[in-house]
Amino acid sequence: MVSGTHMETTTTTKGQIVIPSSVRRKLGIKAGTRIQVELDEENSQIILKPITREYIERMAGKFRGLPLLEDLKRERKLDKGSEDRKLDRLKSK
């Protein structure tokens, strides 16, 4: 996204927002992409950062020695297992 470009979206009653498709494509955000949420209280801003493979690889130099990608893969595998179990429970009802 070009710096200075502004877009608006609306919050649902659950506090959810839609990220415009052009932004999702540009940043590689797909279904299931984890998003880091930062609060900048001083400037009253919410900062959203997608946690993609590219983001992790860029950050790898900052946190040399920490197995961030492996931790993320393990966490996603656990999440998938949890979701699979929920689906199985729903199907059995």
N, C-alpha and C. Protein backbone atom coordinates (compact mmCIF):
# COMPACT_ATOMS: atom_id res chain seq x y z
N MET A 1 0.86 -1.18 0.00
CA MET A 1 0.00 0.00 0.00
C MET A 1 0.89 1.23 0.00
N VAL A 2 0.55 2.19 -0.77
CA VAL A 2 1.33 3.41 -0.87
C VAL A 2 1.12 4.22 0.39
N SER A 3 2.21 4.73 0.93
CA SER A 3 2.12 5.54 2.13
C SER A 3 1.19 6.73 1.86
N GLY A 4 0.31 7.02 2.78
CA GLY A 4 -0.60 8.13 2.61
C GLY A 4 -1.96 7.72 2.06
N THR A 5 -2.10 6.47 1.64
CA THR A 5 -3.39 5.99 1.14
C THR A 5 -4.26 5.65 2.34
N HIS A 6 -5.47 6.14 2.33
CA HIS A 6 -6.38 5.90 3.46
C HIS A 6 -7.59 5.13 2.98
N MET A 7 -8.00 4.15 3.74
CA MET A 7 -9.20 3.38 3.47
C MET A 7 -10.00 3.30 4.75
N GLU A 8 -11.29 3.11 4.61
CA GLU A 8 -12.14 2.97 5.78
C GLU A 8 -12.84 1.63 5.76
N THR A 9 -13.13 1.13 6.93
CA THR A 9 -13.90 -0.09 7.10
C THR A 9 -14.77 0.11 8.32
N THR A 10 -15.73 -0.76 8.53
CA THR A 10 -16.66 -0.63 9.64
C THR A 10 -16.48 -1.79 10.61
N THR A 11 -16.61 -1.52 11.88
CA THR A 11 -16.51 -2.55 12.90
C THR A 11 -17.88 -3.20 13.10
N THR A 12 -17.88 -4.54 13.21
CA THR A 12 -19.13 -5.25 13.49
C THR A 12 -19.43 -5.19 14.98
N THR A 13 -20.59 -5.71 15.36
CA THR A 13 -20.95 -5.73 16.78
C THR A 13 -20.01 -6.61 17.59
N LYS A 14 -19.30 -7.55 16.91
CA LYS A 14 -18.32 -8.41 17.58
C LYS A 14 -16.93 -7.79 17.60
N GLY A 15 -16.78 -6.58 17.06
CA GLY A 15 -15.48 -5.92 17.04
C GLY A 15 -14.61 -6.36 15.86
N GLN A 16 -15.20 -7.03 14.89
CA GLN A 16 -14.44 -7.49 13.73
C GLN A 16 -14.41 -6.40 12.66
N ILE A 17 -13.32 -6.41 11.87
CA ILE A 17 -13.21 -5.49 10.74
C ILE A 17 -12.83 -6.29 9.50
N VAL A 18 -13.09 -5.72 8.35
CA VAL A 18 -12.70 -6.33 7.08
C VAL A 18 -11.49 -5.56 6.57
N ILE A 19 -10.42 -6.29 6.28
CA ILE A 19 -9.24 -5.68 5.67
C ILE A 19 -9.48 -5.69 4.16
N PRO A 20 -9.42 -4.52 3.50
CA PRO A 20 -9.69 -4.49 2.06
C PRO A 20 -8.86 -5.51 1.29
N SER A 21 -9.47 -6.10 0.25
CA SER A 21 -8.80 -7.17 -0.51
C SER A 21 -7.49 -6.71 -1.12
N SER A 22 -7.40 -5.45 -1.56
CA SER A 22 -6.15 -4.97 -2.16
C SER A 22 -5.02 -4.99 -1.14
N VAL A 23 -5.33 -4.69 0.11
CA VAL A 23 -4.32 -4.71 1.18
C VAL A 23 -3.95 -6.16 1.50
N ARG A 24 -4.96 -7.05 1.58
CA ARG A 24 -4.68 -8.46 1.86
C ARG A 24 -3.77 -9.05 0.80
N ARG A 25 -4.06 -8.78 -0.46
CA ARG A 25 -3.22 -9.30 -1.55
C ARG A 25 -1.80 -8.76 -1.45
N LYS A 26 -1.66 -7.47 -1.24
CA LYS A 26 -0.35 -6.84 -1.18
C LYS A 26 0.51 -7.42 -0.05
N LEU A 27 -0.12 -7.73 1.09
CA LEU A 27 0.61 -8.21 2.26
C LEU A 27 0.61 -9.72 2.40
N GLY A 28 -0.04 -10.43 1.48
CA GLY A 28 -0.05 -11.89 1.53
C GLY A 28 -0.92 -12.45 2.63
N ILE A 29 -1.96 -11.73 3.00
CA ILE A 29 -2.86 -12.18 4.07
C ILE A 29 -3.92 -13.10 3.45
N LYS A 30 -4.00 -14.32 3.97
CA LYS A 30 -4.98 -15.30 3.50
C LYS A 30 -5.77 -15.78 4.70
N ALA A 31 -6.79 -16.60 4.45
CA ALA A 31 -7.58 -17.16 5.55
C ALA A 31 -6.63 -17.90 6.49
N GLY A 32 -6.73 -17.63 7.77
CA GLY A 32 -5.89 -18.29 8.75
C GLY A 32 -4.60 -17.55 9.09
N THR A 33 -4.29 -16.48 8.34
CA THR A 33 -3.08 -15.71 8.65
C THR A 33 -3.24 -15.06 10.01
N ARG A 34 -2.26 -15.23 10.86
CA ARG A 34 -2.29 -14.61 12.18
C ARG A 34 -1.91 -13.14 12.04
N ILE A 35 -2.54 -12.30 12.84
CA ILE A 35 -2.31 -10.86 12.80
C ILE A 35 -1.85 -10.40 14.18
N GLN A 36 -0.72 -9.72 14.21
CA GLN A 36 -0.23 -9.14 15.46
C GLN A 36 -0.92 -7.79 15.64
N VAL A 37 -1.50 -7.54 16.82
CA VAL A 37 -2.20 -6.29 17.10
C VAL A 37 -1.40 -5.51 18.12
N GLU A 38 -1.02 -4.28 17.75
CA GLU A 38 -0.30 -3.40 18.66
C GLU A 38 -1.16 -2.18 18.95
N LEU A 39 -1.11 -1.70 20.17
CA LEU A 39 -1.85 -0.50 20.55
C LEU A 39 -0.85 0.61 20.80
N ASP A 40 -0.97 1.68 20.06
CA ASP A 40 -0.15 2.88 20.24
C ASP A 40 -1.04 3.89 20.95
N GLU A 41 -1.05 3.81 22.28
CA GLU A 41 -1.94 4.66 23.08
C GLU A 41 -1.61 6.14 22.91
N GLU A 42 -0.33 6.43 22.78
CA GLU A 42 0.09 7.83 22.66
C GLU A 42 -0.54 8.52 21.45
N ASN A 43 -0.68 7.78 20.34
CA ASN A 43 -1.25 8.33 19.11
C ASN A 43 -2.65 7.81 18.82
N SER A 44 -3.25 7.07 19.77
CA SER A 44 -4.58 6.48 19.62
C SER A 44 -4.69 5.70 18.31
N GLN A 45 -3.73 4.78 18.09
CA GLN A 45 -3.71 3.99 16.87
C GLN A 45 -3.63 2.51 17.18
N ILE A 46 -4.25 1.72 16.31
CA ILE A 46 -4.13 0.27 16.35
C ILE A 46 -3.26 -0.09 15.15
N ILE A 47 -2.22 -0.88 15.38
CA ILE A 47 -1.31 -1.28 14.31
C ILE A 47 -1.46 -2.78 14.11
N LEU A 48 -1.81 -3.17 12.88
CA LEU A 48 -1.99 -4.58 12.55
C LEU A 48 -0.82 -5.03 11.69
N LYS A 49 -0.19 -6.14 12.07
CA LYS A 49 0.94 -6.68 11.31
C LYS A 49 0.66 -8.15 11.03
N PRO A 50 0.58 -8.53 9.74
CA PRO A 50 0.36 -9.93 9.43
C PRO A 50 1.60 -10.75 9.76
N ILE A 51 1.40 -11.92 10.36
CA ILE A 51 2.51 -12.80 10.69
C ILE A 51 2.57 -13.86 9.60
N THR A 52 3.24 -13.51 8.51
CA THR A 52 3.39 -14.41 7.38
C THR A 52 4.79 -15.02 7.41
N ARG A 53 5.03 -15.99 6.56
CA ARG A 53 6.36 -16.60 6.46
C ARG A 53 7.41 -15.52 6.17
N GLU A 54 7.07 -14.58 5.27
CA GLU A 54 8.00 -13.52 4.91
C GLU A 54 8.32 -12.64 6.11
N TYR A 55 7.29 -12.33 6.91
CA TYR A 55 7.48 -11.52 8.10
C TYR A 55 8.42 -12.23 9.08
N ILE A 56 8.20 -13.51 9.28
CA ILE A 56 9.02 -14.28 10.22
C ILE A 56 10.46 -14.35 9.72
N GLU A 57 10.63 -14.55 8.42
CA GLU A 57 11.99 -14.63 7.87
C GLU A 57 12.71 -13.29 7.99
N ARG A 58 11.98 -12.18 7.81
CA ARG A 58 12.59 -10.85 7.99
C ARG A 58 13.01 -10.65 9.45
N MET A 59 12.18 -11.15 10.38
CA MET A 59 12.45 -10.95 11.80
C MET A 59 13.53 -11.92 12.31
N ALA A 60 13.81 -12.97 11.56
CA ALA A 60 14.75 -14.00 12.03
C ALA A 60 16.10 -13.41 12.39
N GLY A 61 16.56 -12.44 11.63
CA GLY A 61 17.84 -11.81 11.93
C GLY A 61 17.82 -11.08 13.26
N LYS A 62 16.66 -10.52 13.61
CA LYS A 62 16.54 -9.78 14.88
C LYS A 62 16.60 -10.71 16.08
N PHE A 63 16.08 -11.91 15.91
CA PHE A 63 15.98 -12.84 17.03
C PHE A 63 16.80 -14.09 16.75
N ARG A 64 17.99 -13.89 16.26
CA ARG A 64 18.86 -15.00 15.90
C ARG A 64 18.96 -15.99 17.07
N GLY A 65 18.82 -17.26 16.73
CA GLY A 65 18.93 -18.30 17.75
C GLY A 65 17.59 -18.75 18.30
N LEU A 66 16.53 -17.97 18.06
CA LEU A 66 15.21 -18.36 18.53
C LEU A 66 14.48 -19.07 17.39
N PRO A 67 13.95 -20.26 17.62
CA PRO A 67 13.29 -21.03 16.56
C PRO A 67 11.86 -20.53 16.30
N LEU A 68 11.70 -19.28 15.86
CA LEU A 68 10.37 -18.69 15.70
C LEU A 68 9.52 -19.42 14.67
N LEU A 69 10.11 -19.76 13.54
CA LEU A 69 9.33 -20.42 12.49
C LEU A 69 8.85 -21.78 12.97
N GLU A 70 9.72 -22.53 13.64
CA GLU A 70 9.32 -23.85 14.16
C GLU A 70 8.23 -23.70 15.21
N ASP A 71 8.34 -22.69 16.07
CA ASP A 71 7.30 -22.46 17.08
C ASP A 71 5.97 -22.13 16.42
N LEU A 72 6.01 -21.31 15.37
CA LEU A 72 4.79 -20.94 14.68
C LEU A 72 4.16 -22.16 14.01
N LYS A 73 4.98 -22.99 13.36
CA LYS A 73 4.48 -24.21 12.72
C LYS A 73 3.82 -25.12 13.76
N ARG A 74 4.48 -25.28 14.91
CA ARG A 74 3.95 -26.15 15.97
C ARG A 74 2.61 -25.58 16.48
N GLU A 75 2.55 -24.26 16.66
CA GLU A 75 1.32 -23.63 17.15
C GLU A 75 0.19 -23.79 16.14
N ARG A 76 0.49 -23.63 14.86
CA ARG A 76 -0.54 -23.81 13.83
C ARG A 76 -1.03 -25.26 13.78
N LYS A 77 -0.12 -26.21 13.99
CA LYS A 77 -0.51 -27.61 13.99
C LYS A 77 -1.45 -27.89 15.16
N LEU A 78 -1.14 -27.32 16.33
CA LEU A 78 -2.02 -27.49 17.50
C LEU A 78 -3.38 -26.85 17.23
N ASP A 79 -3.38 -25.65 16.62
CA ASP A 79 -4.64 -24.98 16.29
C ASP A 79 -5.47 -25.82 15.34
N LYS A 80 -4.83 -26.40 14.33
CA LYS A 80 -5.53 -27.23 13.36
C LYS A 80 -6.14 -28.44 14.05
N GLY A 81 -5.38 -29.07 14.95
CA GLY A 81 -5.90 -30.22 15.69
C GLY A 81 -7.12 -29.85 16.51
N SER A 82 -7.06 -28.69 17.14
CA SER A 82 -8.18 -28.21 17.94
C SER A 82 -9.40 -27.96 17.06
N GLU A 83 -9.20 -27.33 15.91
CA GLU A 83 -10.30 -27.07 14.99
C GLU A 83 -10.88 -28.37 14.45
N ASP A 84 -10.02 -29.34 14.13
CA ASP A 84 -10.49 -30.64 13.64
C ASP A 84 -11.37 -31.33 14.68
N ARG A 85 -10.95 -31.27 15.95
CA ARG A 85 -11.74 -31.89 17.01
C ARG A 85 -13.10 -31.20 17.16
N LYS A 86 -13.14 -29.86 17.03
CA LYS A 86 -14.40 -29.14 17.09
C LYS A 86 -15.33 -29.57 15.96
N LEU A 87 -14.78 -29.68 14.75
CA LEU A 87 -15.58 -30.12 13.61
C LEU A 87 -16.12 -31.52 13.82
N ASP A 88 -15.28 -32.42 14.35
CA ASP A 88 -15.72 -33.79 14.62
C ASP A 88 -16.88 -33.81 15.61
N ARG A 89 -16.78 -32.97 16.66
CA ARG A 89 -17.87 -32.90 17.65
C ARG A 89 -19.15 -32.39 17.02
N LEU A 90 -19.04 -31.38 16.16
CA LEU A 90 -20.22 -30.83 15.49
C LEU A 90 -20.86 -31.85 14.55
N LYS A 91 -20.02 -32.60 13.85
CA LYS A 91 -20.52 -33.60 12.90
C LYS A 91 -21.23 -34.74 13.62
N SER A 92 -20.77 -35.06 14.82
CA SER A 92 -21.36 -36.19 15.55
C SER A 92 -22.69 -35.83 16.23
N LYS A 93 -23.05 -34.59 16.23
CA LYS A 93 -24.33 -34.16 16.86
C LYS A 93 -25.49 -34.36 15.94
